[in-house]
Every structure is written in C-alpha cells, then in structure tokens.
Amino acid sequence: MSSRSLSDADPTLAEKYLLLAEDFAREQVPASLVVTCTFRSCDEQAVLYASGRVHPGKIVTNADGITNLSAHNYFPSRAIDVAVMLDGKIAWREDLYHPLVELAARHGLVSGGSWKTFKDWPHIELPKVVKT
C-alpha cells in the first residue's frame, strides 16, 4: 500500500512541503491540503499505469514503474501527492489546485500543474537532479 507518511519522503521535500501547506492554508482559506501519497512501490505504479490503458478509467500517469519511474518510486520519495480539503471533504476541482504551481515554485519545488503536457495538479516534487 502506498505511503502517506512524510517520514517516507525526502527530508528536504517534507520540510518544504510543510511550509507550502502552511502558506496554502493561510492564502486559500477555508481550504487546506492533505497528503495522499509519498512513497509508492513499482508494483503499485504499474497498477496506476494500467488505468485507462489495460483497465477502464482515466490515464493518471505516464510512469509505468518499470522502464519509467515516478518520483514516488524512489525511497525516500522525491514526490508528494496532495488533495485539497474543503468543508471537511476532499475536493478534486482542478481550479483549487492551481495555487500549487506558484506555491511550489516559491518553495523550490515543482508542481505537476506546471508541466507543459500531462498536467498532474495534485503532484509536488523535488526538482530533477541535473547531472553534469
């Protein structure tokens, strides 16, 4: 089962996420964030990848967990998925996730909502490491 624990996330990511979540709660009253996933095994990633491809549903990821890993598949995780809480319930309206783009950048993180293609609004990750 995928983890929701910040202790399974990269410590830098966890620290920056907590600051981001505080800013979100302050700036998007009455909304707040809840973590829905930190670490995810490659087997769990493969199941998600099958959605909309092998199994009915919407395509939710381009990472198959085999040849293309998600930032969630590393331990500690390099990504966190979140949900917006509104009136005590999870809300999936896309516009509620738009502030994550600016907030992630403000805290040195990357929002899946900033990706040029295949936007993943609930996804926040550490910047990719560029090897020279």
C-alpha atoms as a PDB file:
ATOM      1  CA  MET A   1       0.000   0.000   0.000  1.00  0.00           C
ATOM      2  CA  SER A   2       1.269   3.459  -0.875  1.00  0.00           C
ATOM      3  CA  SER A   3       2.548   5.565   1.975  1.00  0.00           C
ATOM      4  CA  ARG A   4       1.058   8.854   3.137  1.00  0.00           C
ATOM      5  CA  SER A   5       3.763   9.422   5.730  1.00  0.00           C
ATOM      6  CA  LEU A   6       6.066  12.392   5.366  1.00  0.00           C
ATOM      7  CA  SER A   7       8.744  10.267   7.046  1.00  0.00           C
ATOM      8  CA  ASP A   8       8.847   8.260   3.781  1.00  0.00           C
ATOM      9  CA  ALA A   9       9.564  11.427   1.787  1.00  0.00           C
ATOM     10  CA  ASP A  10      12.956  13.004   1.218  1.00  0.00           C
ATOM     11  CA  PRO A  11      13.594  15.184   4.310  1.00  0.00           C
ATOM     12  CA  THR A  12      14.094  18.326   2.200  1.00  0.00           C
ATOM     13  CA  LEU A  13      10.842  17.657   0.360  1.00  0.00           C
ATOM     14  CA  ALA A  14       8.957  17.033   3.620  1.00  0.00           C
ATOM     15  CA  GLU A  15      10.288  20.247   5.162  1.00  0.00           C
ATOM     16  CA  LYS A  16       9.428  22.357   2.114  1.00  0.00           C
ATOM     17  CA  TYR A  17       6.013  20.718   1.783  1.00  0.00           C
ATOM     18  CA  LEU A  18       5.084  21.639   5.375  1.00  0.00           C
ATOM     19  CA  LEU A  19       5.905  25.297   4.640  1.00  0.00           C
ATOM     20  CA  LEU A  20       3.960  25.139   1.371  1.00  0.00           C
ATOM     21  CA  ALA A  21       0.951  23.600   3.150  1.00  0.00           C
ATOM     22  CA  GLU A  22       1.007  26.370   5.778  1.00  0.00           C
ATOM     23  CA  ASP A  23       1.055  29.020   3.034  1.00  0.00           C
ATOM     24  CA  PHE A  24      -1.755  27.253   1.163  1.00  0.00           C
ATOM     25  CA  ALA A  25      -3.973  27.113   4.254  1.00  0.00           C
ATOM     26  CA  ARG A  26      -3.307  30.786   5.027  1.00  0.00           C
ATOM     27  CA  GLU A  27      -3.805  32.008   1.449  1.00  0.00           C
ATOM     28  CA  GLN A  28      -6.666  29.719   0.336  1.00  0.00           C
ATOM     29  CA  VAL A  29      -8.977  29.939   3.382  1.00  0.00           C
ATOM     30  CA  PRO A  30     -11.006  27.812   4.079  1.00  0.00           C
ATOM     31  CA  ALA A  31      -9.128  25.190   2.020  1.00  0.00           C
ATOM     32  CA  SER A  32      -6.184  23.128   3.261  1.00  0.00           C
ATOM     33  CA  LEU A  33      -4.032  20.272   1.979  1.00  0.00           C
ATOM     34  CA  VAL A  34      -3.786  16.631   2.990  1.00  0.00           C
ATOM     35  CA  VAL A  35      -1.087  14.198   1.827  1.00  0.00           C
ATOM     36  CA  THR A  36      -2.474  11.321  -0.244  1.00  0.00           C
ATOM     37  CA  CYS A  37       0.797   9.655  -1.289  1.00  0.00           C
ATOM     38  CA  THR A  38       4.518   9.828  -0.635  1.00  0.00           C
ATOM     39  CA  PHE A  39       6.325   6.560  -1.454  1.00  0.00           C
ATOM     40  CA  ARG A  40       4.721   4.154  -3.950  1.00  0.00           C
ATOM     41  CA  SER A  41       6.199   0.782  -4.918  1.00  0.00           C
ATOM     42  CA  CYS A  42       6.939  -0.010  -8.557  1.00  0.00           C
ATOM     43  CA  ASP A  43       4.196  -2.665  -8.487  1.00  0.00           C
ATOM     44  CA  GLU A  44       1.675  -0.062  -7.302  1.00  0.00           C
ATOM     45  CA  GLN A  45       2.944   2.304 -10.005  1.00  0.00           C
ATOM     46  CA  ALA A  46       2.336  -0.368 -12.655  1.00  0.00           C
ATOM     47  CA  VAL A  47      -1.279  -0.733 -11.468  1.00  0.00           C
ATOM     48  CA  LEU A  48      -1.803   3.037 -11.803  1.00  0.00           C
ATOM     49  CA  TYR A  49      -0.192   2.994 -15.245  1.00  0.00           C
ATOM     50  CA  ALA A  50      -2.677   0.323 -16.371  1.00  0.00           C
ATOM     51  CA  SER A  51      -5.604   2.664 -15.612  1.00  0.00           C
ATOM     52  CA  GLY A  52      -7.022   3.891 -18.895  1.00  0.00           C
ATOM     53  CA  ARG A  53      -4.776   1.553 -20.811  1.00  0.00           C
ATOM     54  CA  VAL A  54      -5.342  -2.064 -19.748  1.00  0.00           C
ATOM     55  CA  HIS A  55      -8.110  -1.322 -17.236  1.00  0.00           C
ATOM     56  CA  PRO A  56     -11.083   1.018 -17.599  1.00  0.00           C
ATOM     57  CA  GLY A  57     -10.660   4.546 -16.318  1.00  0.00           C
ATOM     58  CA  LYS A  58      -8.730   7.701 -16.926  1.00  0.00           C
ATOM     59  CA  ILE A  59      -5.000   7.689 -17.689  1.00  0.00           C
ATOM     60  CA  VAL A  60      -3.439   9.061 -14.500  1.00  0.00           C
ATOM     61  CA  THR A  61       0.305   8.602 -15.076  1.00  0.00           C
ATOM     62  CA  ASN A  62       2.905   8.180 -17.794  1.00  0.00           C
ATOM     63  CA  ALA A  63       5.310   6.429 -15.412  1.00  0.00           C
ATOM     64  CA  ASP A  64       4.982   2.658 -15.675  1.00  0.00           C
ATOM     65  CA  GLY A  65       7.164   1.808 -12.646  1.00  0.00           C
ATOM     66  CA  ILE A  66       9.365  -0.425 -14.808  1.00  0.00           C
ATOM     67  CA  THR A  67      11.113   1.480 -17.598  1.00  0.00           C
ATOM     68  CA  ASN A  68       9.932   4.908 -16.465  1.00  0.00           C
ATOM     69  CA  LEU A  69       9.915   5.523 -12.717  1.00  0.00           C
ATOM     70  CA  SER A  70       7.802   8.102 -10.949  1.00  0.00           C
ATOM     71  CA  ALA A  71       9.416  10.354  -8.348  1.00  0.00           C
ATOM     72  CA  HIS A  72       7.200   8.410  -5.909  1.00  0.00           C
ATOM     73  CA  ASN A  73       9.070   5.162  -6.693  1.00  0.00           C
ATOM     74  CA  TYR A  74      12.319   6.244  -5.028  1.00  0.00           C
ATOM     75  CA  PHE A  75      12.910   5.809  -1.328  1.00  0.00           C
ATOM     76  CA  PRO A  76      12.807   8.226   0.258  1.00  0.00           C
ATOM     77  CA  SER A  77      10.172   9.539  -2.103  1.00  0.00           C
ATOM     78  CA  ARG A  78      11.009  12.561  -4.233  1.00  0.00           C
ATOM     79  CA  ALA A  79       7.286  13.402  -4.642  1.00  0.00           C
ATOM     80  CA  ILE A  80       4.141  14.039  -2.641  1.00  0.00           C
ATOM     81  CA  ASP A  81       0.578  13.877  -3.906  1.00  0.00           C
ATOM     82  CA  VAL A  82      -1.984  16.004  -2.116  1.00  0.00           C
ATOM     83  CA  ALA A  83      -5.707  16.640  -2.037  1.00  0.00           C
ATOM     84  CA  VAL A  84      -7.461  19.878  -1.263  1.00  0.00           C
ATOM     85  CA  MET A  85      -9.741  19.684   1.772  1.00  0.00           C
ATOM     86  CA  LEU A  86     -12.755  21.962   1.663  1.00  0.00           C
ATOM     87  CA  ASP A  87     -15.540  21.865   4.249  1.00  0.00           C
ATOM     88  CA  GLY A  88     -14.069  18.660   5.700  1.00  0.00           C
ATOM     89  CA  LYS A  89     -14.164  16.810   2.373  1.00  0.00           C
ATOM     90  CA  ILE A  90     -11.659  16.165  -0.375  1.00  0.00           C
ATOM     91  CA  ALA A  91     -12.353  18.374  -3.379  1.00  0.00           C
ATOM     92  CA  TRP A  92     -10.946  17.482  -6.806  1.00  0.00           C
ATOM     93  CA  ARG A  93     -11.984  20.630  -8.708  1.00  0.00           C
ATOM     94  CA  GLU A  94      -8.933  21.485 -10.810  1.00  0.00           C
ATOM     95  CA  ASP A  95      -9.062  25.229 -10.092  1.00  0.00           C
ATOM     96  CA  LEU A  96      -8.497  24.554  -6.378  1.00  0.00           C
ATOM     97  CA  TYR A  97      -5.076  23.078  -7.270  1.00  0.00           C
ATOM     98  CA  HIS A  98      -3.895  25.977  -9.442  1.00  0.00           C
ATOM     99  CA  PRO A  99      -2.283  27.856  -6.495  1.00  0.00           C
ATOM    100  CA  LEU A 100       0.104  24.897  -6.055  1.00  0.00           C
ATOM    101  CA  VAL A 101       2.045  25.958  -9.155  1.00  0.00           C
ATOM    102  CA  GLU A 102       3.150  29.269  -7.623  1.00  0.00           C
ATOM    103  CA  LEU A 103       3.483  27.894  -4.100  1.00  0.00           C
ATOM    104  CA  ALA A 104       5.680  25.003  -5.229  1.00  0.00           C
ATOM    105  CA  ALA A 105       7.961  27.378  -7.135  1.00  0.00           C
ATOM    106  CA  ARG A 106       8.099  29.711  -4.121  1.00  0.00           C
ATOM    107  CA  HIS A 107       9.396  26.822  -2.000  1.00  0.00           C
ATOM    108  CA  GLY A 108      11.856  25.453  -4.568  1.00  0.00           C
ATOM    109  CA  LEU A 109       9.594  22.571  -5.611  1.00  0.00           C
ATOM    110  CA  VAL A 110       7.902  21.587  -8.867  1.00  0.00           C
ATOM    111  CA  SER A 111       4.143  21.288  -9.264  1.00  0.00           C
ATOM    112  CA  GLY A 112       2.727  18.772 -11.730  1.00  0.00           C
ATOM    113  CA  GLY A 113       0.376  21.590 -12.694  1.00  0.00           C
ATOM    114  CA  SER A 114       3.336  23.445 -14.221  1.00  0.00           C
ATOM    115  CA  TRP A 115       4.196  20.647 -16.644  1.00  0.00           C
ATOM    116  CA  LYS A 116       3.711  21.540 -20.325  1.00  0.00           C
ATOM    117  CA  THR A 117       1.927  18.268 -21.098  1.00  0.00           C
ATOM    118  CA  PHE A 118       0.029  15.778 -18.942  1.00  0.00           C
ATOM    119  CA  LYS A 119      -0.632  18.119 -16.047  1.00  0.00           C
ATOM    120  CA  ASP A 120      -0.805  16.338 -12.676  1.00  0.00           C
ATOM    121  CA  TRP A 121      -2.337  19.013 -10.448  1.00  0.00           C
ATOM    122  CA  PRO A 122      -2.122  17.171  -7.073  1.00  0.00           C
ATOM    123  CA  HIS A 123       1.587  16.281  -7.594  1.00  0.00           C
ATOM    124  CA  ILE A 124       4.524  18.139  -5.979  1.00  0.00           C
ATOM    125  CA  GLU A 125       8.139  17.030  -6.334  1.00  0.00           C
ATOM    126  CA  LEU A 126      11.748  17.966  -5.830  1.00  0.00           C
ATOM    127  CA  PRO A 127      13.384  19.446  -8.939  1.00  0.00           C
ATOM    128  CA  LYS A 128      15.090  16.909 -11.174  1.00  0.00           C
ATOM    129  CA  VAL A 129      18.779  16.472 -10.443  1.00  0.00           C
ATOM    130  CA  VAL A 130      20.790  17.575 -13.460  1.00  0.00           C
ATOM    131  CA  LYS A 131      23.954  15.526 -13.870  1.00  0.00           C
ATOM    132  CA  THR A 132      26.882  17.284 -15.463  1.00  0.00           C
END
